[in-house]
mmCIF file of all heavy atoms, coordinates in Angstrom:
data_MODEL
# 
_entry.id   MODEL 
# 
loop_
_atom_site.group_PDB 
_atom_site.id 
_atom_site.type_symbol 
_atom_site.label_atom_id 
_atom_site.label_alt_id 
_atom_site.label_comp_id 
_atom_site.label_asym_id 
_atom_site.label_entity_id 
_atom_site.label_seq_id 
_atom_site.pdbx_PDB_ins_code 
_atom_site.Cartn_x 
_atom_site.Cartn_y 
_atom_site.Cartn_z 
_atom_site.occupancy 
_atom_site.B_iso_or_equiv 
_atom_site.pdbx_formal_charge 
_atom_site.auth_seq_id 
_atom_site.auth_comp_id 
_atom_site.auth_asym_id 
_atom_site.auth_atom_id 
_atom_site.pdbx_PDB_model_num 
ATOM 1   N N   . ARG A 1 1  ? -1.302  -0.470  -2.333  1.00 0.00 ? 1  ARG A N   1 
ATOM 2   C CA  . ARG A 1 1  ? -2.225  -0.846  -3.406  1.00 0.00 ? 1  ARG A CA  1 
ATOM 3   C C   . ARG A 1 1  ? -3.672  -0.862  -2.952  1.00 0.00 ? 1  ARG A C   1 
ATOM 4   O O   . ARG A 1 1  ? -4.386  -1.866  -3.132  1.00 0.00 ? 1  ARG A O   1 
ATOM 5   C CB  . ARG A 1 1  ? -1.827  -2.207  -3.994  1.00 0.00 ? 1  ARG A CB  1 
ATOM 6   C CG  . ARG A 1 1  ? -0.396  -2.263  -4.516  1.00 0.00 ? 1  ARG A CG  1 
ATOM 7   C CD  . ARG A 1 1  ? -0.041  -3.639  -5.043  1.00 0.00 ? 1  ARG A CD  1 
ATOM 8   N NE  . ARG A 1 1  ? 1.386   -3.703  -5.385  1.00 0.00 ? 1  ARG A NE  1 
ATOM 9   C CZ  . ARG A 1 1  ? 1.987   -4.824  -5.783  1.00 0.00 ? 1  ARG A CZ  1 
ATOM 10  N NH1 . ARG A 1 1  ? 1.315   -5.952  -5.880  1.00 0.00 ? 1  ARG A NH1 1 
ATOM 11  N NH2 . ARG A 1 1  ? 3.280   -4.815  -6.058  1.00 0.00 ? 1  ARG A NH2 1 
ATOM 12  N N   . ASN A 1 2  ? -4.113  0.252   -2.384  1.00 0.00 ? 2  ASN A N   1 
ATOM 13  C CA  . ASN A 1 2  ? -5.454  0.308   -1.817  1.00 0.00 ? 2  ASN A CA  1 
ATOM 14  C C   . ASN A 1 2  ? -6.412  1.163   -2.596  1.00 0.00 ? 2  ASN A C   1 
ATOM 15  O O   . ASN A 1 2  ? -7.526  1.433   -2.138  1.00 0.00 ? 2  ASN A O   1 
ATOM 16  C CB  . ASN A 1 2  ? -5.413  0.780   -0.374  1.00 0.00 ? 2  ASN A CB  1 
ATOM 17  C CG  . ASN A 1 2  ? -6.606  0.319   0.445   1.00 0.00 ? 2  ASN A CG  1 
ATOM 18  O OD1 . ASN A 1 2  ? -7.271  -0.654  0.081   1.00 0.00 ? 2  ASN A OD1 1 
ATOM 19  N ND2 . ASN A 1 2  ? -6.918  1.023   1.508   1.00 0.00 ? 2  ASN A ND2 1 
ATOM 20  N N   . TYR A 1 3  ? -6.023  1.642   -3.763  1.00 0.00 ? 3  TYR A N   1 
ATOM 21  C CA  . TYR A 1 3  ? -6.914  2.254   -4.748  1.00 0.00 ? 3  TYR A CA  1 
ATOM 22  C C   . TYR A 1 3  ? -6.783  1.489   -6.057  1.00 0.00 ? 3  TYR A C   1 
ATOM 23  O O   . TYR A 1 3  ? -5.656  1.167   -6.470  1.00 0.00 ? 3  TYR A O   1 
ATOM 24  C CB  . TYR A 1 3  ? -6.551  3.730   -4.993  1.00 0.00 ? 3  TYR A CB  1 
ATOM 25  C CG  . TYR A 1 3  ? -6.961  4.697   -3.897  1.00 0.00 ? 3  TYR A CG  1 
ATOM 26  C CD1 . TYR A 1 3  ? -6.074  4.988   -2.863  1.00 0.00 ? 3  TYR A CD1 1 
ATOM 27  C CD2 . TYR A 1 3  ? -8.172  5.337   -3.944  1.00 0.00 ? 3  TYR A CD2 1 
ATOM 28  C CE1 . TYR A 1 3  ? -6.413  5.900   -1.883  1.00 0.00 ? 3  TYR A CE1 1 
ATOM 29  C CE2 . TYR A 1 3  ? -8.534  6.257   -2.968  1.00 0.00 ? 3  TYR A CE2 1 
ATOM 30  C CZ  . TYR A 1 3  ? -7.661  6.547   -1.931  1.00 0.00 ? 3  TYR A CZ  1 
ATOM 31  O OH  . TYR A 1 3  ? -8.008  7.440   -0.953  1.00 0.00 ? 3  TYR A OH  1 
ATOM 32  N N   . ARG A 1 4  ? -7.887  1.275   -6.726  1.00 0.00 ? 4  ARG A N   1 
ATOM 33  C CA  . ARG A 1 4  ? -7.813  0.586   -8.024  1.00 0.00 ? 4  ARG A CA  1 
ATOM 34  C C   . ARG A 1 4  ? -6.926  1.375   -8.999  1.00 0.00 ? 4  ARG A C   1 
ATOM 35  O O   . ARG A 1 4  ? -6.209  0.785   -9.796  1.00 0.00 ? 4  ARG A O   1 
ATOM 36  C CB  . ARG A 1 4  ? -9.223  0.400   -8.601  1.00 0.00 ? 4  ARG A CB  1 
ATOM 37  C CG  . ARG A 1 4  ? -9.302  -0.549  -9.800  1.00 0.00 ? 4  ARG A CG  1 
ATOM 38  C CD  . ARG A 1 4  ? -10.743 -0.908  -10.126 1.00 0.00 ? 4  ARG A CD  1 
ATOM 39  N NE  . ARG A 1 4  ? -11.449 -1.454  -8.971  1.00 0.00 ? 4  ARG A NE  1 
ATOM 40  C CZ  . ARG A 1 4  ? -11.314 -2.711  -8.571  1.00 0.00 ? 4  ARG A CZ  1 
ATOM 41  N NH1 . ARG A 1 4  ? -10.505 -3.521  -9.206  1.00 0.00 ? 4  ARG A NH1 1 
ATOM 42  N NH2 . ARG A 1 4  ? -11.984 -3.126  -7.505  1.00 0.00 ? 4  ARG A NH2 1 
ATOM 43  N N   . SER A 1 5  ? -6.980  2.703   -8.888  1.00 0.00 ? 5  SER A N   1 
ATOM 44  C CA  . SER A 1 5  ? -6.211  3.552   -9.814  1.00 0.00 ? 5  SER A CA  1 
ATOM 45  C C   . SER A 1 5  ? -4.700  3.404   -9.592  1.00 0.00 ? 5  SER A C   1 
ATOM 46  O O   . SER A 1 5  ? -3.915  3.881   -10.417 1.00 0.00 ? 5  SER A O   1 
ATOM 47  C CB  . SER A 1 5  ? -6.625  5.003   -9.638  1.00 0.00 ? 5  SER A CB  1 
ATOM 48  O OG  . SER A 1 5  ? -6.371  5.455   -8.321  1.00 0.00 ? 5  SER A OG  1 
ATOM 49  N N   . HIS A 1 6  ? -4.278  2.802   -8.469  1.00 0.00 ? 6  HIS A N   1 
ATOM 50  C CA  . HIS A 1 6  ? -2.878  2.655   -8.169  1.00 0.00 ? 6  HIS A CA  1 
ATOM 51  C C   . HIS A 1 6  ? -2.361  1.233   -8.438  1.00 0.00 ? 6  HIS A C   1 
ATOM 52  O O   . HIS A 1 6  ? -1.154  0.964   -8.235  1.00 0.00 ? 6  HIS A O   1 
ATOM 53  C CB  . HIS A 1 6  ? -2.590  3.023   -6.694  1.00 0.00 ? 6  HIS A CB  1 
ATOM 54  C CG  . HIS A 1 6  ? -1.153  3.179   -6.327  1.00 0.00 ? 6  HIS A CG  1 
ATOM 55  N ND1 . HIS A 1 6  ? -0.339  4.136   -6.890  1.00 0.00 ? 6  HIS A ND1 1 
ATOM 56  C CD2 . HIS A 1 6  ? -0.367  2.488   -5.472  1.00 0.00 ? 6  HIS A CD2 1 
ATOM 57  C CE1 . HIS A 1 6  ? 0.903   4.021   -6.395  1.00 0.00 ? 6  HIS A CE1 1 
ATOM 58  N NE2 . HIS A 1 6  ? 0.906   3.023   -5.518  1.00 0.00 ? 6  HIS A NE2 1 
ATOM 59  N N   . LEU A 1 7  ? -3.223  0.355   -8.861  1.00 0.00 ? 7  LEU A N   1 
ATOM 60  C CA  . LEU A 1 7  ? -2.818  -1.034  -9.059  1.00 0.00 ? 7  LEU A CA  1 
ATOM 61  C C   . LEU A 1 7  ? -1.885  -1.201  -10.262 1.00 0.00 ? 7  LEU A C   1 
ATOM 62  O O   . LEU A 1 7  ? -1.069  -2.120  -10.309 1.00 0.00 ? 7  LEU A O   1 
ATOM 63  C CB  . LEU A 1 7  ? -4.024  -1.937  -9.226  1.00 0.00 ? 7  LEU A CB  1 
ATOM 64  C CG  . LEU A 1 7  ? -4.916  -2.109  -7.982  1.00 0.00 ? 7  LEU A CG  1 
ATOM 65  C CD1 . LEU A 1 7  ? -6.102  -3.003  -8.300  1.00 0.00 ? 7  LEU A CD1 1 
ATOM 66  C CD2 . LEU A 1 7  ? -4.116  -2.663  -6.818  1.00 0.00 ? 7  LEU A CD2 1 
ATOM 67  N N   . GLY A 1 8  ? -2.036  -0.312  -11.272 1.00 0.00 ? 8  GLY A N   1 
ATOM 68  C CA  . GLY A 1 8  ? -1.165  -0.416  -12.448 1.00 0.00 ? 8  GLY A CA  1 
ATOM 69  C C   . GLY A 1 8  ? -1.288  -1.746  -13.178 1.00 0.00 ? 8  GLY A C   1 
ATOM 70  O O   . GLY A 1 8  ? -0.291  -2.287  -13.663 1.00 0.00 ? 8  GLY A O   1 
ATOM 71  N N   . GLY A 1 9  ? -2.521  -2.282  -13.265 1.00 0.00 ? 9  GLY A N   1 
ATOM 72  C CA  . GLY A 1 9  ? -2.722  -3.535  -13.955 1.00 0.00 ? 9  GLY A CA  1 
ATOM 73  C C   . GLY A 1 9  ? -2.501  -4.758  -13.109 1.00 0.00 ? 9  GLY A C   1 
ATOM 74  O O   . GLY A 1 9  ? -2.790  -5.892  -13.540 1.00 0.00 ? 9  GLY A O   1 
ATOM 75  N N   . ARG A 1 10 ? -2.020  -4.568  -11.877 1.00 0.00 ? 10 ARG A N   1 
ATOM 76  C CA  . ARG A 1 10 ? -1.823  -5.721  -10.981 1.00 0.00 ? 10 ARG A CA  1 
ATOM 77  C C   . ARG A 1 10 ? -3.154  -6.117  -10.370 1.00 0.00 ? 10 ARG A C   1 
ATOM 78  O O   . ARG A 1 10 ? -4.065  -5.306  -10.247 1.00 0.00 ? 10 ARG A O   1 
ATOM 79  C CB  . ARG A 1 10 ? -0.819  -5.349  -9.883  1.00 0.00 ? 10 ARG A CB  1 
ATOM 80  C CG  . ARG A 1 10 ? 0.584   -5.068  -10.402 1.00 0.00 ? 10 ARG A CG  1 
ATOM 81  C CD  . ARG A 1 10 ? 1.453   -4.380  -9.390  1.00 0.00 ? 10 ARG A CD  1 
ATOM 82  N NE  . ARG A 1 10 ? 0.972   -3.047  -9.070  1.00 0.00 ? 10 ARG A NE  1 
ATOM 83  C CZ  . ARG A 1 10 ? 1.693   -2.110  -8.507  1.00 0.00 ? 10 ARG A CZ  1 
ATOM 84  N NH1 . ARG A 1 10 ? 2.949   -2.327  -8.194  1.00 0.00 ? 10 ARG A NH1 1 
ATOM 85  N NH2 . ARG A 1 10 ? 1.188   -0.899  -8.253  1.00 0.00 ? 10 ARG A NH2 1 
ATOM 86  N N   . PRO A 1 11 ? -3.294  -7.369  -9.985  1.00 0.00 ? 11 PRO A N   1 
ATOM 87  C CA  . PRO A 1 11 ? -4.568  -7.808  -9.380  1.00 0.00 ? 11 PRO A CA  1 
ATOM 88  C C   . PRO A 1 11 ? -4.799  -7.143  -8.022  1.00 0.00 ? 11 PRO A C   1 
ATOM 89  O O   . PRO A 1 11 ? -3.843  -6.782  -7.336  1.00 0.00 ? 11 PRO A O   1 
ATOM 90  C CB  . PRO A 1 11 ? -4.395  -9.327  -9.213  1.00 0.00 ? 11 PRO A CB  1 
ATOM 91  C CG  . PRO A 1 11 ? -2.912  -9.525  -9.186  1.00 0.00 ? 11 PRO A CG  1 
ATOM 92  C CD  . PRO A 1 11 ? -2.326  -8.488  -10.076 1.00 0.00 ? 11 PRO A CD  1 
ATOM 93  N N   . GLN A 1 12 ? -6.059  -7.000  -7.655  1.00 0.00 ? 12 GLN A N   1 
ATOM 94  C CA  . GLN A 1 12 ? -6.392  -6.460  -6.350  1.00 0.00 ? 12 GLN A CA  1 
ATOM 95  C C   . GLN A 1 12 ? -5.896  -7.415  -5.270  1.00 0.00 ? 12 GLN A C   1 
ATOM 96  O O   . GLN A 1 12 ? -6.128  -8.637  -5.366  1.00 0.00 ? 12 GLN A O   1 
ATOM 97  C CB  . GLN A 1 12 ? -7.891  -6.254  -6.204  1.00 0.00 ? 12 GLN A CB  1 
ATOM 98  C CG  . GLN A 1 12 ? -8.305  -5.737  -4.862  1.00 0.00 ? 12 GLN A CG  1 
ATOM 99  C CD  . GLN A 1 12 ? -9.805  -5.496  -4.781  1.00 0.00 ? 12 GLN A CD  1 
ATOM 100 O OE1 . GLN A 1 12 ? -10.458 -5.218  -5.778  1.00 0.00 ? 12 GLN A OE1 1 
ATOM 101 N NE2 . GLN A 1 12 ? -10.361 -5.560  -3.559  1.00 0.00 ? 12 GLN A NE2 1 
ATOM 102 N N   . PRO A 1 13 ? -5.225  -6.921  -4.252  1.00 0.00 ? 13 PRO A N   1 
ATOM 103 C CA  . PRO A 1 13 ? -4.785  -7.800  -3.151  1.00 0.00 ? 13 PRO A CA  1 
ATOM 104 C C   . PRO A 1 13 ? -5.979  -8.488  -2.486  1.00 0.00 ? 13 PRO A C   1 
ATOM 105 O O   . PRO A 1 13 ? -7.062  -7.902  -2.360  1.00 0.00 ? 13 PRO A O   1 
ATOM 106 C CB  . PRO A 1 13 ? -4.097  -6.846  -2.185  1.00 0.00 ? 13 PRO A CB  1 
ATOM 107 C CG  . PRO A 1 13 ? -3.739  -5.643  -2.997  1.00 0.00 ? 13 PRO A CG  1 
ATOM 108 C CD  . PRO A 1 13 ? -4.812  -5.513  -4.022  1.00 0.00 ? 13 PRO A CD  1 
ATOM 109 N N   . SER A 1 14 ? -5.794  -9.728  -2.059  1.00 0.00 ? 14 SER A N   1 
ATOM 110 C CA  . SER A 1 14 ? -6.834  -10.492 -1.416  1.00 0.00 ? 14 SER A CA  1 
ATOM 111 C C   . SER A 1 14 ? -7.113  -10.035 0.008   1.00 0.00 ? 14 SER A C   1 
ATOM 112 O O   . SER A 1 14 ? -8.118  -10.418 0.596   1.00 0.00 ? 14 SER A O   1 
ATOM 113 C CB  . SER A 1 14 ? -6.510  -11.994 -1.458  1.00 0.00 ? 14 SER A CB  1 
ATOM 114 O OG  . SER A 1 14 ? -5.285  -12.229 -0.785  1.00 0.00 ? 14 SER A OG  1 
ATOM 115 N N   . GLU A 1 15 ? -6.195  -9.268  0.560   1.00 0.00 ? 15 GLU A N   1 
ATOM 116 C CA  . GLU A 1 15 ? -6.347  -8.700  1.898   1.00 0.00 ? 15 GLU A CA  1 
ATOM 117 C C   . GLU A 1 15 ? -5.459  -7.462  1.953   1.00 0.00 ? 15 GLU A C   1 
ATOM 118 O O   . GLU A 1 15 ? -4.591  -7.247  1.105   1.00 0.00 ? 15 GLU A O   1 
ATOM 119 C CB  . GLU A 1 15 ? -5.947  -9.692  2.970   1.00 0.00 ? 15 GLU A CB  1 
ATOM 120 C CG  . GLU A 1 15 ? -4.567  -10.263 2.826   1.00 0.00 ? 15 GLU A CG  1 
ATOM 121 C CD  . GLU A 1 15 ? -4.317  -11.408 3.782   1.00 0.00 ? 15 GLU A CD  1 
ATOM 122 O OE1 . GLU A 1 15 ? -5.259  -11.932 4.395   1.00 0.00 ? 15 GLU A OE1 1 
ATOM 123 O OE2 . GLU A 1 15 ? -3.134  -11.779 3.922   1.00 0.00 ? 15 GLU A OE2 1 
ATOM 124 N N   . PRO A 1 16 ? -5.667  -6.568  2.941   1.00 0.00 ? 16 PRO A N   1 
ATOM 125 C CA  . PRO A 1 16 ? -4.855  -5.343  2.998   1.00 0.00 ? 16 PRO A CA  1 
ATOM 126 C C   . PRO A 1 16 ? -3.358  -5.677  3.066   1.00 0.00 ? 16 PRO A C   1 
ATOM 127 O O   . PRO A 1 16 ? -2.951  -6.533  3.865   1.00 0.00 ? 16 PRO A O   1 
ATOM 128 C CB  . PRO A 1 16 ? -5.343  -4.668  4.297   1.00 0.00 ? 16 PRO A CB  1 
ATOM 129 C CG  . PRO A 1 16 ? -6.742  -5.173  4.482   1.00 0.00 ? 16 PRO A CG  1 
ATOM 130 C CD  . PRO A 1 16 ? -6.719  -6.597  3.995   1.00 0.00 ? 16 PRO A CD  1 
ATOM 131 N N   . GLY A 1 17 ? -2.568  -5.011  2.234   1.00 0.00 ? 17 GLY A N   1 
ATOM 132 C CA  . GLY A 1 17 ? -1.133  -5.229  2.239   1.00 0.00 ? 17 GLY A CA  1 
ATOM 133 C C   . GLY A 1 17 ? -0.454  -4.261  3.177   1.00 0.00 ? 17 GLY A C   1 
ATOM 134 O O   . GLY A 1 17 ? -0.478  -3.033  2.965   1.00 0.00 ? 17 GLY A O   1 
ATOM 135 N N   . LEU A 1 18 ? 0.170   -4.791  4.248   1.00 0.00 ? 18 LEU A N   1 
ATOM 136 C CA  . LEU A 1 18 ? 0.754   -3.937  5.281   1.00 0.00 ? 18 LEU A CA  1 
ATOM 137 C C   . LEU A 1 18 ? 2.265   -3.760  5.079   1.00 0.00 ? 18 LEU A C   1 
ATOM 138 O O   . LEU A 1 18 ? 2.951   -4.682  4.687   1.00 0.00 ? 18 LEU A O   1 
ATOM 139 C CB  . LEU A 1 18 ? 0.517   -4.538  6.667   1.00 0.00 ? 18 LEU A CB  1 
ATOM 140 C CG  . LEU A 1 18 ? -0.919  -4.942  7.042   1.00 0.00 ? 18 LEU A CG  1 
ATOM 141 C CD1 . LEU A 1 18 ? -0.958  -5.433  8.469   1.00 0.00 ? 18 LEU A CD1 1 
ATOM 142 C CD2 . LEU A 1 18 ? -1.856  -3.741  6.873   1.00 0.00 ? 18 LEU A CD2 1 
ATOM 143 N N   . PHE A 1 19 ? 2.751   -2.593  5.427   1.00 0.00 ? 19 PHE A N   1 
ATOM 144 C CA  . PHE A 1 19 ? 4.172   -2.360  5.603   1.00 0.00 ? 19 PHE A CA  1 
ATOM 145 C C   . PHE A 1 19 ? 4.342   -1.293  6.663   1.00 0.00 ? 19 PHE A C   1 
ATOM 146 O O   . PHE A 1 19 ? 3.377   -0.651  7.088   1.00 0.00 ? 19 PHE A O   1 
ATOM 147 C CB  . PHE A 1 19 ? 4.881   -1.985  4.296   1.00 0.00 ? 19 PHE A CB  1 
ATOM 148 C CG  . PHE A 1 19 ? 4.358   -0.730  3.639   1.00 0.00 ? 19 PHE A CG  1 
ATOM 149 C CD1 . PHE A 1 19 ? 4.914   0.515   3.924   1.00 0.00 ? 19 PHE A CD1 1 
ATOM 150 C CD2 . PHE A 1 19 ? 3.332   -0.771  2.701   1.00 0.00 ? 19 PHE A CD2 1 
ATOM 151 C CE1 . PHE A 1 19 ? 4.466   1.672   3.306   1.00 0.00 ? 19 PHE A CE1 1 
ATOM 152 C CE2 . PHE A 1 19 ? 2.871   0.386   2.076   1.00 0.00 ? 19 PHE A CE2 1 
ATOM 153 C CZ  . PHE A 1 19 ? 3.454   1.603   2.364   1.00 0.00 ? 19 PHE A CZ  1 
ATOM 154 N N   . LEU A 1 20 ? 5.571   -1.084  7.093   1.00 0.00 ? 20 LEU A N   1 
ATOM 155 C CA  . LEU A 1 20 ? 5.837   -0.162  8.184   1.00 0.00 ? 20 LEU A CA  1 
ATOM 156 C C   . LEU A 1 20 ? 6.727   1.006   7.727   1.00 0.00 ? 20 LEU A C   1 
ATOM 157 O O   . LEU A 1 20 ? 7.580   0.836   6.855   1.00 0.00 ? 20 LEU A O   1 
ATOM 158 C CB  . LEU A 1 20 ? 6.562   -0.878  9.334   1.00 0.00 ? 20 LEU A CB  1 
ATOM 159 C CG  . LEU A 1 20 ? 5.812   -2.063  9.976   1.00 0.00 ? 20 LEU A CG  1 
ATOM 160 C CD1 . LEU A 1 20 ? 6.714   -2.730  11.034  1.00 0.00 ? 20 LEU A CD1 1 
ATOM 161 C CD2 . LEU A 1 20 ? 4.510   -1.605  10.603  1.00 0.00 ? 20 LEU A CD2 1 
ATOM 162 N N   . LYS A 1 21 ? 6.494   2.137   8.304   1.00 0.00 ? 21 LYS A N   1 
ATOM 163 C CA  . LYS A 1 21 ? 7.405   3.267   8.242   1.00 0.00 ? 21 LYS A CA  1 
ATOM 164 C C   . LYS A 1 21 ? 7.943   3.469   9.652   1.00 0.00 ? 21 LYS A C   1 
ATOM 165 O O   . LYS A 1 21 ? 7.413   2.878   10.597  1.00 0.00 ? 21 LYS A O   1 
ATOM 166 C CB  . LYS A 1 21 ? 6.711   4.505   7.703   1.00 0.00 ? 21 LYS A CB  1 
ATOM 167 C CG  . LYS A 1 21 ? 6.216   4.346   6.247   1.00 0.00 ? 21 LYS A CG  1 
ATOM 168 C CD  . LYS A 1 21 ? 5.412   5.522   5.756   1.00 0.00 ? 21 LYS A CD  1 
ATOM 169 C CE  . LYS A 1 21 ? 6.262   6.722   5.402   1.00 0.00 ? 21 LYS A CE  1 
ATOM 170 N NZ  . LYS A 1 21 ? 6.985   6.561   4.124   1.00 0.00 ? 21 LYS A NZ  1 
ATOM 171 N N   . LEU A 1 22 ? 8.936   4.323   9.800   1.00 0.00 ? 22 LEU A N   1 
ATOM 172 C CA  . LEU A 1 22 ? 9.573   4.492   11.102  1.00 0.00 ? 22 LEU A CA  1 
ATOM 173 C C   . LEU A 1 22 ? 9.178   5.787   11.760  1.00 0.00 ? 22 LEU A C   1 
ATOM 174 O O   . LEU A 1 22 ? 9.064   6.821   11.087  1.00 0.00 ? 22 LEU A O   1 
ATOM 175 C CB  . LEU A 1 22 ? 11.093  4.435   10.950  1.00 0.00 ? 22 LEU A CB  1 
ATOM 176 C CG  . LEU A 1 22 ? 11.633  3.130   10.363  1.00 0.00 ? 22 LEU A CG  1 
ATOM 177 C CD1 . LEU A 1 22 ? 13.138  3.241   10.163  1.00 0.00 ? 22 LEU A CD1 1 
ATOM 178 C CD2 . LEU A 1 22 ? 11.309  1.961   11.257  1.00 0.00 ? 22 LEU A CD2 1 
ATOM 179 N N   . PRO A 1 23 ? 8.990   5.796   13.086  1.00 0.00 ? 23 PRO A N   1 
ATOM 180 C CA  . PRO A 1 23 ? 8.622   7.042   13.791  1.00 0.00 ? 23 PRO A CA  1 
ATOM 181 C C   . PRO A 1 23 ? 9.626   8.172   13.540  1.00 0.00 ? 23 PRO A C   1 
ATOM 182 O O   . PRO A 1 23 ? 9.244   9.343   13.521  1.00 0.00 ? 23 PRO A O   1 
ATOM 183 C CB  . PRO A 1 23 ? 8.602   6.619   15.247  1.00 0.00 ? 23 PRO A CB  1 
ATOM 184 C CG  . PRO A 1 23 ? 8.259   5.175   15.224  1.00 0.00 ? 23 PRO A CG  1 
ATOM 185 C CD  . PRO A 1 23 ? 8.964   4.626   14.007  1.00 0.00 ? 23 PRO A CD  1 
ATOM 186 N N   . THR A 1 24 ? 10.907  7.825   13.343  1.00 0.00 ? 24 THR A N   1 
ATOM 187 C CA  . THR A 1 24 ? 11.917  8.856   13.102  1.00 0.00 ? 24 THR A CA  1 
ATOM 188 C C   . THR A 1 24 ? 11.810  9.473   11.716  1.00 0.00 ? 24 THR A C   1 
ATOM 189 O O   . THR A 1 24 ? 12.516  10.447  11.413  1.00 0.00 ? 24 THR A O   1 
ATOM 190 C CB  . THR A 1 24 ? 13.325  8.270   13.286  1.00 0.00 ? 24 THR A CB  1 
ATOM 191 O OG1 . THR A 1 24 ? 13.425  7.044   12.559  1.00 0.00 ? 24 THR A OG1 1 
ATOM 192 C CG2 . THR A 1 24 ? 13.624  8.029   14.757  1.00 0.00 ? 24 THR A CG2 1 
ATOM 193 N N   . SER A 1 25 ? 10.919  8.944   10.864  1.00 0.00 ? 25 SER A N   1 
ATOM 194 C CA  . SER A 1 25 ? 10.728  9.529   9.535   1.00 0.00 ? 25 SER A CA  1 
ATOM 195 C C   . SER A 1 25 ? 9.661   10.603  9.534   1.00 0.00 ? 25 SER A C   1 
ATOM 196 O O   . SER A 1 25 ? 9.466   11.299  8.518   1.00 0.00 ? 25 SER A O   1 
ATOM 197 C CB  . SER A 1 25 ? 10.382  8.440   8.514   1.00 0.00 ? 25 SER A CB  1 
ATOM 198 O OG  . SER A 1 25 ? 9.122   7.848   8.821   1.00 0.00 ? 25 SER A OG  1 
ATOM 199 N N   . VAL A 1 26 ? 8.998   10.829  10.680  1.00 0.00 ? 26 VAL A N   1 
ATOM 200 C CA  . VAL A 1 26 ? 7.895   11.793  10.742  1.00 0.00 ? 26 VAL A CA  1 
ATOM 201 C C   . VAL A 1 26 ? 8.412   13.215  10.779  1.00 0.00 ? 26 VAL A C   1 
ATOM 202 O O   . VAL A 1 26 ? 9.329   13.551  11.522  1.00 0.00 ? 26 VAL A O   1 
ATOM 203 C CB  . VAL A 1 26 ? 7.008   11.518  11.974  1.00 0.00 ? 26 VAL A CB  1 
ATOM 204 C CG1 . VAL A 1 26 ? 5.991   12.635  12.171  1.00 0.00 ? 26 VAL A CG1 1 
ATOM 205 C CG2 . VAL A 1 26 ? 6.321   10.188  11.862  1.00 0.00 ? 26 VAL A CG2 1 
ATOM 206 N N   . ILE A 1 27 ? 7.789   14.069  9.945   1.00 0.00 ? 27 ILE A N   1 
ATOM 207 C CA  . ILE A 1 27 ? 8.033   15.508  10.001  1.00 0.00 ? 27 ILE A CA  1 
ATOM 208 C C   . ILE A 1 27 ? 6.658   16.198  9.891   1.00 0.00 ? 27 ILE A C   1 
ATOM 209 O O   . ILE A 1 27 ? 5.650   15.563  9.526   1.00 0.00 ? 27 ILE A O   1 
ATOM 210 C CB  . ILE A 1 27 ? 8.931   16.004  8.854   1.00 0.00 ? 27 ILE A CB  1 
ATOM 211 C CG1 . ILE A 1 27 ? 8.385   15.623  7.469   1.00 0.00 ? 27 ILE A CG1 1 
ATOM 212 C CG2 . ILE A 1 27 ? 10.347  15.495  9.034   1.00 0.00 ? 27 ILE A CG2 1 
ATOM 213 C CD1 . ILE A 1 27 ? 9.170   16.212  6.295   1.00 0.00 ? 27 ILE A CD1 1 
# 
């Protein structure tokens, strides 16, 4: 949720929202 256009009406996060992907998912 780091673009306003992607919030879909949700409030802007008060800080960057982090999540992880896995190195084995890289192509």
